[in-house]
Amino acid sequence: LWGYAPLERSLVVTIGAGTVVYSVLLVGQAVVRYVITAAAAPDIATD
């Protein structure tokens, strides 16, 4: 809006950016949770 973009375009970009940021944060949280869980259980059998 500071750059005088139309409102419709601004809302579409905003919704897209919010969704992408949310998705990236969820995937990062899942990866961190997996790494922490795997590090906490070293007795997992390997090949």
ModelCIF file with pLDDT and N, C-alpha, C, O atoms, coordinates in Angstrom:
data_MODEL
#
_entry.id   MODEL 
#
_entity.id                         1 
_entity.type                       polymer 
_entity.pdbx_number_of_molecules   1 
#
_entity_poly.entity_id                      1 
_entity_poly.type                           'polypeptide(L)' 
_entity_poly.nstd_linkage                   no 
_entity_poly.nstd_monomer                   no 
_entity_poly.pdbx_seq_one_letter_code       LWGYAPLERSLVVTIGAGTVVYSVLLVGQAVVRYVITAAAAPDIATD 
_entity_poly.pdbx_seq_one_letter_code_can   LWGYAPLERSLVVTIGAGTVVYSVLLVGQAVVRYVITAAAAPDIATD 
_entity_poly.pdbx_strand_id                 A 
#
loop_
_entity_poly_seq.entity_id 
_entity_poly_seq.num 
_entity_poly_seq.mon_id 
_entity_poly_seq.hetero 
1 1  LEU n 
1 2  TRP n 
1 3  GLY n 
1 4  TYR n 
1 5  ALA n 
1 6  PRO n 
1 7  LEU n 
1 8  GLU n 
1 9  ARG n 
1 10 SER n 
1 11 LEU n 
1 12 VAL n 
1 13 VAL n 
1 14 THR n 
1 15 ILE n 
1 16 GLY n 
1 17 ALA n 
1 18 GLY n 
1 19 THR n 
1 20 VAL n 
1 21 VAL n 
1 22 TYR n 
1 23 SER n 
1 24 VAL n 
1 25 LEU n 
1 26 LEU n 
1 27 VAL n 
1 28 GLY n 
1 29 GLN n 
1 30 ALA n 
1 31 VAL n 
1 32 VAL n 
1 33 ARG n 
1 34 TYR n 
1 35 VAL n 
1 36 ILE n 
1 37 THR n 
1 38 ALA n 
1 39 ALA n 
1 40 ALA n 
1 41 ALA n 
1 42 PRO n 
1 43 ASP n 
1 44 ILE n 
1 45 ALA n 
1 46 THR n 
1 47 ASP n 
#
_struct_asym.id          A 
_struct_asym.entity_id   1 
#
loop_
_ma_qa_metric.id 
_ma_qa_metric.mode 
_ma_qa_metric.name 
_ma_qa_metric.software_group_id 
_ma_qa_metric.type 
1 global pLDDT . pLDDT 
2 local  pLDDT . pLDDT 
#
_ma_qa_metric_global.metric_id      1 
_ma_qa_metric_global.metric_value   88.26 
_ma_qa_metric_global.model_id       1 
_ma_qa_metric_global.ordinal_id     1 
#
loop_
_ma_qa_metric_local.label_asym_id 
_ma_qa_metric_local.label_comp_id 
_ma_qa_metric_local.label_seq_id 
_ma_qa_metric_local.metric_id 
_ma_qa_metric_local.metric_value 
_ma_qa_metric_local.model_id 
_ma_qa_metric_local.ordinal_id 
A LEU 1  2 94.00 1 1  
A TRP 2  2 95.00 1 2  
A GLY 3  2 93.00 1 3  
A TYR 4  2 93.00 1 4  
A ALA 5  2 93.00 1 5  
A PRO 6  2 95.00 1 6  
A LEU 7  2 94.00 1 7  
A GLU 8  2 95.00 1 8  
A ARG 9  2 94.00 1 9  
A SER 10 2 95.00 1 10 
A LEU 11 2 95.00 1 11 
A VAL 12 2 95.00 1 12 
A VAL 13 2 94.00 1 13 
A THR 14 2 95.00 1 14 
A ILE 15 2 96.00 1 15 
A GLY 16 2 95.00 1 16 
A ALA 17 2 94.00 1 17 
A GLY 18 2 95.00 1 18 
A THR 19 2 96.00 1 19 
A VAL 20 2 96.00 1 20 
A VAL 21 2 96.00 1 21 
A TYR 22 2 96.00 1 22 
A SER 23 2 96.00 1 23 
A VAL 24 2 96.00 1 24 
A LEU 25 2 95.00 1 25 
A LEU 26 2 95.00 1 26 
A VAL 27 2 96.00 1 27 
A GLY 28 2 95.00 1 28 
A GLN 29 2 94.00 1 29 
A ALA 30 2 94.00 1 30 
A VAL 31 2 94.00 1 31 
A VAL 32 2 93.00 1 32 
A ARG 33 2 92.00 1 33 
A TYR 34 2 93.00 1 34 
A VAL 35 2 92.00 1 35 
A ILE 36 2 91.00 1 36 
A THR 37 2 89.00 1 37 
A ALA 38 2 86.00 1 38 
A ALA 39 2 82.00 1 39 
A ALA 40 2 78.00 1 40 
A ALA 41 2 70.00 1 41 
A PRO 42 2 64.00 1 42 
A ASP 43 2 59.00 1 43 
A ILE 44 2 56.00 1 44 
A ALA 45 2 52.00 1 45 
A THR 46 2 55.00 1 46 
A ASP 47 2 57.00 1 47 
#
loop_
_atom_site.group_PDB 
_atom_site.id 
_atom_site.type_symbol 
_atom_site.label_atom_id 
_atom_site.label_alt_id 
_atom_site.label_comp_id 
_atom_site.label_asym_id 
_atom_site.label_entity_id 
_atom_site.label_seq_id 
_atom_site.pdbx_PDB_ins_code 
_atom_site.Cartn_x 
_atom_site.Cartn_y 
_atom_site.Cartn_z 
_atom_site.occupancy 
_atom_site.B_iso_or_equiv 
_atom_site.pdbx_formal_charge 
_atom_site.auth_seq_id 
_atom_site.auth_comp_id 
_atom_site.auth_asym_id 
_atom_site.auth_atom_id 
_atom_site.pdbx_PDB_model_num 
ATOM 1   N N  . LEU A 1 1  ? 0.822  -1.219  0.000  1.00 94.00 ? 1  LEU A N  1 
ATOM 2   C CA . LEU A 1 1  ? 0.000  0.000   0.000  1.00 94.00 ? 1  LEU A CA 1 
ATOM 3   C C  . LEU A 1 1  ? 0.851  1.262   0.000  1.00 94.00 ? 1  LEU A C  1 
ATOM 4   O O  . LEU A 1 1  ? 0.439  2.292   -0.535 1.00 94.00 ? 1  LEU A O  1 
ATOM 5   N N  . TRP A 1 2  ? 2.039  1.187   0.599  1.00 95.00 ? 2  TRP A N  1 
ATOM 6   C CA . TRP A 1 2  ? 2.942  2.337   0.607  1.00 95.00 ? 2  TRP A CA 1 
ATOM 7   C C  . TRP A 1 2  ? 3.392  2.679   -0.816 1.00 95.00 ? 2  TRP A C  1 
ATOM 8   O O  . TRP A 1 2  ? 3.636  3.841   -1.140 1.00 95.00 ? 2  TRP A O  1 
ATOM 9   N N  . GLY A 1 3  ? 3.495  1.652   -1.653 1.00 93.00 ? 3  GLY A N  1 
ATOM 10  C CA . GLY A 1 3  ? 3.894  1.867   -3.044 1.00 93.00 ? 3  GLY A CA 1 
ATOM 11  C C  . GLY A 1 3  ? 2.714  2.147   -3.958 1.00 93.00 ? 3  GLY A C  1 
ATOM 12  O O  . GLY A 1 3  ? 2.860  2.091   -5.179 1.00 93.00 ? 3  GLY A O  1 
ATOM 13  N N  . TYR A 1 4  ? 1.538  2.449   -3.393 1.00 93.00 ? 4  TYR A N  1 
ATOM 14  C CA . TYR A 1 4  ? 0.325  2.793   -4.148 1.00 93.00 ? 4  TYR A CA 1 
ATOM 15  C C  . TYR A 1 4  ? -0.127 1.666   -5.077 1.00 93.00 ? 4  TYR A C  1 
ATOM 16  O O  . TYR A 1 4  ? -0.595 1.922   -6.187 1.00 93.00 ? 4  TYR A O  1 
ATOM 17  N N  . ALA A 1 5  ? 0.012  0.430   -4.625 1.00 93.00 ? 5  ALA A N  1 
ATOM 18  C CA . ALA A 1 5  ? -0.485 -0.706  -5.396 1.00 93.00 ? 5  ALA A CA 1 
ATOM 19  C C  . ALA A 1 5  ? -2.002 -0.794  -5.197 1.00 93.00 ? 5  ALA A C  1 
ATOM 20  O O  . ALA A 1 5  ? -2.518 -0.367  -4.165 1.00 93.00 ? 5  ALA A O  1 
ATOM 21  N N  . PRO A 1 6  ? -2.710 -1.344  -6.178 1.00 95.00 ? 6  PRO A N  1 
ATOM 22  C CA . PRO A 1 6  ? -4.157 -1.507  -6.004 1.00 95.00 ? 6  PRO A CA 1 
ATOM 23  C C  . PRO A 1 6  ? -4.468 -2.425  -4.818 1.00 95.00 ? 6  PRO A C  1 
ATOM 24  O O  . PRO A 1 6  ? -3.685 -3.313  -4.482 1.00 95.00 ? 6  PRO A O  1 
ATOM 25  N N  . LEU A 1 7  ? -5.615 -2.195  -4.199 1.00 94.00 ? 7  LEU A N  1 
ATOM 26  C CA . LEU A 1 7  ? -5.977 -2.929  -2.997 1.00 94.00 ? 7  LEU A CA 1 
ATOM 27  C C  . LEU A 1 7  ? -6.118 -4.425  -3.273 1.00 94.00 ? 7  LEU A C  1 
ATOM 28  O O  . LEU A 1 7  ? -5.691 -5.247  -2.462 1.00 94.00 ? 7  LEU A O  1 
ATOM 29  N N  . GLU A 1 8  ? -6.717 -4.786  -4.418 1.00 95.00 ? 8  GLU A N  1 
ATOM 30  C CA . GLU A 1 8  ? -6.902 -6.206  -4.730 1.00 95.00 ? 8  GLU A CA 1 
ATOM 31  C C  . GLU A 1 8  ? -5.556 -6.920  -4.846 1.00 95.00 ? 8  GLU A C  1 
ATOM 32  O O  . GLU A 1 8  ? -5.373 -8.009  -4.302 1.00 95.00 ? 8  GLU A O  1 
ATOM 33  N N  . ARG A 1 9  ? -4.633 -6.307  -5.548 1.00 94.00 ? 9  ARG A N  1 
ATOM 34  C CA . ARG A 1 9  ? -3.303 -6.903  -5.698 1.00 94.00 ? 9  ARG A CA 1 
ATOM 35  C C  . ARG A 1 9  ? -2.603 -6.995  -4.347 1.00 94.00 ? 9  ARG A C  1 
ATOM 36  O O  . ARG A 1 9  ? -1.955 -7.997  -4.043 1.00 94.00 ? 9  ARG A O  1 
ATOM 37  N N  . SER A 1 10 ? -2.734 -5.963  -3.553 1.00 95.00 ? 10 SER A N  1 
ATOM 38  C CA . SER A 1 10 ? -2.098 -5.960  -2.231 1.00 95.00 ? 10 SER A CA 1 
ATOM 39  C C  . SER A 1 10 ? -2.639 -7.075  -1.349 1.00 95.00 ? 10 SER A C  1 
ATOM 40  O O  . SER A 1 10 ? -1.874 -7.722  -0.634 1.00 95.00 ? 10 SER A O  1 
ATOM 41  N N  . LEU A 1 11 ? -3.947 -7.310  -1.388 1.00 95.00 ? 11 LEU A N  1 
ATOM 42  C CA . LEU A 1 11 ? -4.532 -8.375  -0.576 1.00 95.00 ? 11 LEU A CA 1 
ATOM 43  C C  . LEU A 1 11 ? -4.111 -9.759  -1.055 1.00 95.00 ? 11 LEU A C  1 
ATOM 44  O O  . LEU A 1 11 ? -3.867 -10.654 -0.246 1.00 95.00 ? 11 LEU A O  1 
ATOM 45  N N  . VAL A 1 12 ? -4.027 -9.932  -2.367 1.00 95.00 ? 12 VAL A N  1 
ATOM 46  C CA . VAL A 1 12 ? -3.595 -11.232 -2.899 1.00 95.00 ? 12 VAL A CA 1 
ATOM 47  C C  . VAL A 1 12 ? -2.145 -11.508 -2.508 1.00 95.00 ? 12 VAL A C  1 
ATOM 48  O O  . VAL A 1 12 ? -1.813 -12.618 -2.091 1.00 95.00 ? 12 VAL A O  1 
ATOM 49  N N  . VAL A 1 13 ? -1.290 -10.509 -2.640 1.00 94.00 ? 13 VAL A N  1 
ATOM 50  C CA . VAL A 1 13 ? 0.113  -10.674 -2.263 1.00 94.00 ? 13 VAL A CA 1 
ATOM 51  C C  . VAL A 1 13 ? 0.236  -10.927 -0.764 1.00 94.00 ? 13 VAL A C  1 
ATOM 52  O O  . VAL A 1 13 ? 1.045  -11.752 -0.338 1.00 94.00 ? 13 VAL A O  1 
ATOM 53  N N  . THR A 1 14 ? -0.556 -10.227 0.030  1.00 95.00 ? 14 THR A N  1 
ATOM 54  C CA . THR A 1 14 ? -0.518 -10.391 1.486  1.00 95.00 ? 14 THR A CA 1 
ATOM 55  C C  . THR A 1 14 ? -0.945 -11.789 1.900  1.00 95.00 ? 14 THR A C  1 
ATOM 56  O O  . THR A 1 14 ? -0.288 -12.420 2.728  1.00 95.00 ? 14 THR A O  1 
ATOM 57  N N  . ILE A 1 15 ? -2.038 -12.276 1.331  1.00 96.00 ? 15 ILE A N  1 
ATOM 58  C CA . ILE A 1 15 ? -2.513 -13.623 1.671  1.00 96.00 ? 15 ILE A CA 1 
ATOM 59  C C  . ILE A 1 15 ? -1.499 -14.672 1.229  1.00 96.00 ? 15 ILE A C  1 
ATOM 60  O O  . ILE A 1 15 ? -1.241 -15.632 1.955  1.00 96.00 ? 15 ILE A O  1 
ATOM 61  N N  . GLY A 1 16 ? -0.931 -14.496 0.056  1.00 95.00 ? 16 GLY A N  1 
ATOM 62  C CA . GLY A 1 16 ? 0.085  -15.437 -0.418 1.00 95.00 ? 16 GLY A CA 1 
ATOM 63  C C  . GLY A 1 16 ? 1.325  -15.428 0.451  1.00 95.00 ? 16 GLY A C  1 
ATOM 64  O O  . GLY A 1 16 ? 1.855  -16.483 0.800  1.00 95.00 ? 16 GLY A O  1 
ATOM 65  N N  . ALA A 1 17 ? 1.790  -14.238 0.801  1.00 94.00 ? 17 ALA A N  1 
ATOM 66  C CA . ALA A 1 17 ? 2.999  -14.148 1.635  1.00 94.00 ? 17 ALA A CA 1 
ATOM 67  C C  . ALA A 1 17 ? 2.759  -14.737 3.023  1.00 94.00 ? 17 ALA A C  1 
ATOM 68  O O  . ALA A 1 17 ? 3.616  -15.444 3.552  1.00 94.00 ? 17 ALA A O  1 
ATOM 69  N N  . GLY A 1 18 ? 1.614  -14.454 3.607  1.00 95.00 ? 18 GLY A N  1 
ATOM 70  C CA . GLY A 1 18 ? 1.301  -15.022 4.917  1.00 95.00 ? 18 GLY A CA 1 
ATOM 71  C C  . GLY A 1 18 ? 1.218  -16.531 4.887  1.00 95.00 ? 18 GLY A C  1 
ATOM 72  O O  . GLY A 1 18 ? 1.679  -17.202 5.811  1.00 95.00 ? 18 GLY A O  1 
ATOM 73  N N  . THR A 1 19 ? 0.634  -17.070 3.830  1.00 96.00 ? 19 THR A N  1 
ATOM 74  C CA . THR A 1 19 ? 0.526  -18.527 3.698  1.00 96.00 ? 19 THR A CA 1 
ATOM 75  C C  . THR A 1 19 ? 1.889  -19.171 3.507  1.00 96.00 ? 19 THR A C  1 
ATOM 76  O O  . THR A 1 19 ? 2.165  -20.218 4.093  1.00 96.00 ? 19 THR A O  1 
ATOM 77  N N  . VAL A 1 20 ? 2.735  -18.567 2.704  1.00 96.00 ? 20 VAL A N  1 
ATOM 78  C CA . VAL A 1 20 ? 4.079  -19.114 2.479  1.00 96.00 ? 20 VAL A CA 1 
ATOM 79  C C  . VAL A 1 20 ? 4.902  -19.077 3.754  1.00 96.00 ? 20 VAL A C  1 
ATOM 80  O O  . VAL A 1 20 ? 5.567  -20.057 4.087  1.00 96.00 ? 20 VAL A O  1 
ATOM 81  N N  . VAL A 1 21 ? 4.868  -17.972 4.465  1.00 96.00 ? 21 VAL A N  1 
ATOM 82  C CA . VAL A 1 21 ? 5.624  -17.861 5.716  1.00 96.00 ? 21 VAL A CA 1 
ATOM 83  C C  . VAL A 1 21 ? 5.122  -18.887 6.727  1.00 96.00 ? 21 VAL A C  1 
ATOM 84  O O  . VAL A 1 21 ? 5.923  -19.532 7.402  1.00 96.00 ? 21 VAL A O  1 
ATOM 85  N N  . TYR A 1 22 ? 3.819  -19.042 6.836  1.00 96.00 ? 22 TYR A N  1 
ATOM 86  C CA . TYR A 1 22 ? 3.235  -20.015 7.766  1.00 96.00 ? 22 TYR A CA 1 
ATOM 87  C C  . TYR A 1 22 ? 3.671  -21.439 7.404  1.00 96.00 ? 22 TYR A C  1 
ATOM 88  O O  . TYR A 1 22 ? 4.035  -22.222 8.281  1.00 96.00 ? 22 TYR A O  1 
ATOM 89  N N  . SER A 1 23 ? 3.631  -21.769 6.108  1.00 96.00 ? 23 SER A N  1 
ATOM 90  C CA . SER A 1 23 ? 4.030  -23.111 5.669  1.00 96.00 ? 23 SER A CA 1 
ATOM 91  C C  . SER A 1 23 ? 5.501  -23.380 5.948  1.00 96.00 ? 23 SER A C  1 
ATOM 92  O O  . SER A 1 23 ? 5.857  -24.459 6.419  1.00 96.00 ? 23 SER A O  1 
ATOM 93  N N  . VAL A 1 24 ? 6.352  -22.412 5.661  1.00 96.00 ? 24 VAL A N  1 
ATOM 94  C CA . VAL A 1 24 ? 7.787  -22.586 5.897  1.00 96.00 ? 24 VAL A CA 1 
ATOM 95  C C  . VAL A 1 24 ? 8.064  -22.769 7.385  1.00 96.00 ? 24 VAL A C  1 
ATOM 96  O O  . VAL A 1 24 ? 8.880  -23.608 7.766  1.00 96.00 ? 24 VAL A O  1 
ATOM 97  N N  . LEU A 1 25 ? 7.395  -21.995 8.218  1.00 95.00 ? 25 LEU A N  1 
ATOM 98  C CA . LEU A 1 25 ? 7.597  -22.137 9.657  1.00 95.00 ? 25 LEU A CA 1 
ATOM 99  C C  . LEU A 1 25 ? 7.101  -23.486 10.169 1.00 95.00 ? 25 LEU A C  1 
ATOM 100 O O  . LEU A 1 25 ? 7.725  -24.073 11.053 1.00 95.00 ? 25 LEU A O  1 
ATOM 101 N N  . LEU A 1 26 ? 5.994  -23.985 9.633  1.00 95.00 ? 26 LEU A N  1 
ATOM 102 C CA . LEU A 1 26 ? 5.495  -25.299 10.053 1.00 95.00 ? 26 LEU A CA 1 
ATOM 103 C C  . LEU A 1 26 ? 6.448  -26.421 9.649  1.00 95.00 ? 26 LEU A C  1 
ATOM 104 O O  . LEU A 1 26 ? 6.700  -27.339 10.430 1.00 95.00 ? 26 LEU A O  1 
ATOM 105 N N  . VAL A 1 27 ? 6.972  -26.347 8.435  1.00 96.00 ? 27 VAL A N  1 
ATOM 106 C CA . VAL A 1 27 ? 7.930  -27.367 7.987  1.00 96.00 ? 27 VAL A CA 1 
ATOM 107 C C  . VAL A 1 27 ? 9.199  -27.295 8.826  1.00 96.00 ? 27 VAL A C  1 
ATOM 108 O O  . VAL A 1 27 ? 9.738  -28.330 9.217  1.00 96.00 ? 27 VAL A O  1 
ATOM 109 N N  . GLY A 1 28 ? 9.678  -26.100 9.105  1.00 95.00 ? 28 GLY A N  1 
ATOM 110 C CA . GLY A 1 28 ? 10.866 -25.952 9.958  1.00 95.00 ? 28 GLY A CA 1 
ATOM 111 C C  . GLY A 1 28 ? 10.633 -26.489 11.349 1.00 95.00 ? 28 GLY A C  1 
ATOM 112 O O  . GLY A 1 28 ? 11.518 -27.122 11.926 1.00 95.00 ? 28 GLY A O  1 
ATOM 113 N N  . GLN A 1 29 ? 9.455  -26.248 11.899 1.00 94.00 ? 29 GLN A N  1 
ATOM 114 C CA . GLN A 1 29 ? 9.133  -26.763 13.226 1.00 94.00 ? 29 GLN A CA 1 
ATOM 115 C C  . GLN A 1 29 ? 9.095  -28.292 13.210 1.00 94.00 ? 29 GLN A C  1 
ATOM 116 O O  . GLN A 1 29 ? 9.571  -28.930 14.149 1.00 94.00 ? 29 GLN A O  1 
ATOM 117 N N  . ALA A 1 30 ? 8.539  -28.877 12.163 1.00 94.00 ? 30 ALA A N  1 
ATOM 118 C CA . ALA A 1 30 ? 8.485  -30.340 12.067 1.00 94.00 ? 30 ALA A CA 1 
ATOM 119 C C  . ALA A 1 30 ? 9.882  -30.934 11.951 1.00 94.00 ? 30 ALA A C  1 
ATOM 120 O O  . ALA A 1 30 ? 10.162 -31.972 12.550 1.00 94.00 ? 30 ALA A O  1 
ATOM 121 N N  . VAL A 1 31 ? 10.760 -30.292 11.191 1.00 94.00 ? 31 VAL A N  1 
ATOM 122 C CA . VAL A 1 31 ? 12.134 -30.788 11.040 1.00 94.00 ? 31 VAL A CA 1 
ATOM 123 C C  . VAL A 1 31 ? 12.880 -30.699 12.365 1.00 94.00 ? 31 VAL A C  1 
ATOM 124 O O  . VAL A 1 31 ? 13.572 -31.640 12.752 1.00 94.00 ? 31 VAL A O  1 
ATOM 125 N N  . VAL A 1 32 ? 12.747 -29.590 13.051 1.00 93.00 ? 32 VAL A N  1 
ATOM 126 C CA . VAL A 1 32 ? 13.427 -29.433 14.345 1.00 93.00 ? 32 VAL A CA 1 
ATOM 127 C C  . VAL A 1 32 ? 12.905 -30.456 15.348 1.00 93.00 ? 32 VAL A C  1 
ATOM 128 O O  . VAL A 1 32 ? 13.683 -31.044 16.099 1.00 93.00 ? 32 VAL A O  1 
ATOM 129 N N  . ARG A 1 33 ? 11.605 -30.666 15.361 1.00 92.00 ? 33 ARG A N  1 
ATOM 130 C CA . ARG A 1 33 ? 11.028 -31.647 16.283 1.00 92.00 ? 33 ARG A CA 1 
ATOM 131 C C  . ARG A 1 33 ? 11.533 -33.062 15.964 1.00 92.00 ? 33 ARG A C  1 
ATOM 132 O O  . ARG A 1 33 ? 11.798 -33.849 16.872 1.00 92.00 ? 33 ARG A O  1 
ATOM 133 N N  . TYR A 1 34 ? 11.666 -33.380 14.662 1.00 93.00 ? 34 TYR A N  1 
ATOM 134 C CA . TYR A 1 34 ? 12.178 -34.692 14.262 1.00 93.00 ? 34 TYR A CA 1 
ATOM 135 C C  . TYR A 1 34 ? 13.639 -34.860 14.681 1.00 93.00 ? 34 TYR A C  1 
ATOM 136 O O  . TYR A 1 34 ? 14.024 -35.916 15.182 1.00 93.00 ? 34 TYR A O  1 
ATOM 137 N N  . VAL A 1 35 ? 14.450 -33.825 14.479 1.00 92.00 ? 35 VAL A N  1 
ATOM 138 C CA . VAL A 1 35 ? 15.869 -33.899 14.833 1.00 92.00 ? 35 VAL A CA 1 
ATOM 139 C C  . VAL A 1 35 ? 16.033 -34.059 16.342 1.00 92.00 ? 35 VAL A C  1 
ATOM 140 O O  . VAL A 1 35 ? 16.845 -34.863 16.800 1.00 92.00 ? 35 VAL A O  1 
ATOM 141 N N  . ILE A 1 36 ? 15.271 -33.304 17.102 1.00 91.00 ? 36 ILE A N  1 
ATOM 142 C CA . ILE A 1 36 ? 15.372 -33.401 18.561 1.00 91.00 ? 36 ILE A CA 1 
ATOM 143 C C  . ILE A 1 36 ? 14.926 -34.780 19.030 1.00 91.00 ? 36 ILE A C  1 
ATOM 144 O O  . ILE A 1 36 ? 15.561 -35.362 19.910 1.00 91.00 ? 36 ILE A O  1 
ATOM 145 N N  . THR A 1 37 ? 13.856 -35.308 18.466 1.00 89.00 ? 37 THR A N  1 
ATOM 146 C CA . THR A 1 37 ? 13.368 -36.628 18.844 1.00 89.00 ? 37 THR A CA 1 
ATOM 147 C C  . THR A 1 37 ? 14.372 -37.708 18.475 1.00 89.00 ? 37 THR A C  1 
ATOM 148 O O  . THR A 1 37 ? 14.586 -38.641 19.250 1.00 89.00 ? 37 THR A O  1 
ATOM 149 N N  . ALA A 1 38 ? 14.991 -37.600 17.305 1.00 86.00 ? 38 ALA A N  1 
ATOM 150 C CA . ALA A 1 38 ? 15.977 -38.587 16.883 1.00 86.00 ? 38 ALA A CA 1 
ATOM 151 C C  . ALA A 1 38 ? 17.237 -38.512 17.740 1.00 86.00 ? 38 ALA A C  1 
ATOM 152 O O  . ALA A 1 38 ? 17.862 -39.539 18.004 1.00 86.00 ? 38 ALA A O  1 
ATOM 153 N N  . ALA A 1 39 ? 17.613 -37.331 18.171 1.00 82.00 ? 39 ALA A N  1 
ATOM 154 C CA . ALA A 1 39 ? 18.803 -37.183 19.011 1.00 82.00 ? 39 ALA A CA 1 
ATOM 155 C C  . ALA A 1 39 ? 18.544 -37.676 20.430 1.00 82.00 ? 39 ALA A C  1 
ATOM 156 O O  . ALA A 1 39 ? 19.464 -38.125 21.113 1.00 82.00 ? 39 ALA A O  1 
ATOM 157 N N  . ALA A 1 40 ? 17.309 -37.595 20.864 1.00 78.00 ? 40 ALA A N  1 
ATOM 158 C CA . ALA A 1 40 ? 16.985 -38.024 22.222 1.00 78.00 ? 40 ALA A CA 1 
ATOM 159 C C  . ALA A 1 40 ? 16.892 -39.541 22.335 1.00 78.00 ? 40 ALA A C  1 
ATOM 160 O O  . ALA A 1 40 ? 16.979 -40.078 23.439 1.00 78.00 ? 40 ALA A O  1 
ATOM 161 N N  . ALA A 1 41 ? 16.716 -40.239 21.222 1.00 70.00 ? 41 ALA A N  1 
ATOM 162 C CA . ALA A 1 41 ? 16.578 -41.696 21.235 1.00 70.00 ? 41 ALA A CA 1 
ATOM 163 C C  . ALA A 1 41 ? 17.733 -42.346 20.463 1.00 70.00 ? 41 ALA A C  1 
ATOM 164 O O  . ALA A 1 41 ? 17.535 -42.779 19.328 1.00 70.00 ? 41 ALA A O  1 
ATOM 165 N N  . PRO A 1 42 ? 18.930 -42.424 21.050 1.00 64.00 ? 42 PRO A N  1 
ATOM 166 C CA . PRO A 1 42 ? 20.059 -43.002 20.307 1.00 64.00 ? 42 PRO A CA 1 
ATOM 167 C C  . PRO A 1 42 ? 19.983 -44.517 20.213 1.00 64.00 ? 42 PRO A C  1 
ATOM 168 O O  . PRO A 1 42 ? 20.805 -45.118 19.520 1.00 64.00 ? 42 PRO A O  1 
ATOM 169 N N  . ASP A 1 43 ? 19.034 -45.158 20.880 1.00 59.00 ? 43 ASP A N  1 
ATOM 170 C CA . ASP A 1 43 ? 18.956 -46.613 20.852 1.00 59.00 ? 43 ASP A CA 1 
ATOM 171 C C  . ASP A 1 43 ? 18.188 -47.130 19.649 1.00 59.00 ? 43 ASP A C  1 
ATOM 172 O O  . ASP A 1 43 ? 17.823 -48.305 19.613 1.00 59.00 ? 43 ASP A O  1 
ATOM 173 N N  . ILE A 1 44 ? 17.939 -46.293 18.678 1.00 56.00 ? 44 ILE A N  1 
ATOM 174 C CA . ILE A 1 44 ? 17.260 -46.736 17.466 1.00 56.00 ? 44 ILE A CA 1 
ATOM 175 C C  . ILE A 1 44 ? 18.220 -47.633 16.690 1.00 56.00 ? 44 ILE A C  1 
ATOM 176 O O  . ILE A 1 44 ? 19.372 -47.268 16.453 1.00 56.00 ? 44 ILE A O  1 
ATOM 177 N N  . ALA A 1 45 ? 17.733 -48.808 16.300 1.00 52.00 ? 45 ALA A N  1 
ATOM 178 C CA . ALA A 1 45 ? 18.582 -49.776 15.597 1.00 52.00 ? 45 ALA A CA 1 
ATOM 179 C C  . ALA A 1 45 ? 18.921 -49.263 14.202 1.00 52.00 ? 45 ALA A C  1 
ATOM 180 O O  . ALA A 1 45 ? 18.065 -48.740 13.489 1.00 52.00 ? 45 ALA A O  1 
ATOM 181 N N  . THR A 1 46 ? 20.176 -49.422 13.833 1.00 55.00 ? 46 THR A N  1 
ATOM 182 C CA . THR A 1 46 ? 20.611 -49.075 12.485 1.00 55.00 ? 46 THR A CA 1 
ATOM 183 C C  . THR A 1 46 ? 20.875 -50.351 11.708 1.00 55.00 ? 46 THR A C  1 
ATOM 184 O O  . THR A 1 46 ? 20.834 -51.447 12.267 1.00 55.00 ? 46 THR A O  1 
ATOM 185 N N  . ASP A 1 47 ? 21.144 -50.210 10.436 1.00 57.00 ? 47 ASP A N  1 
ATOM 186 C CA . ASP A 1 47 ? 21.351 -51.385 9.597  1.00 57.00 ? 47 ASP A CA 1 
ATOM 187 C C  . ASP A 1 47 ? 22.627 -52.135 9.958  1.00 57.00 ? 47 ASP A C  1 
ATOM 188 O O  . ASP A 1 47 ? 22.942 -53.151 9.339  1.00 57.00 ? 47 ASP A O  1 
#
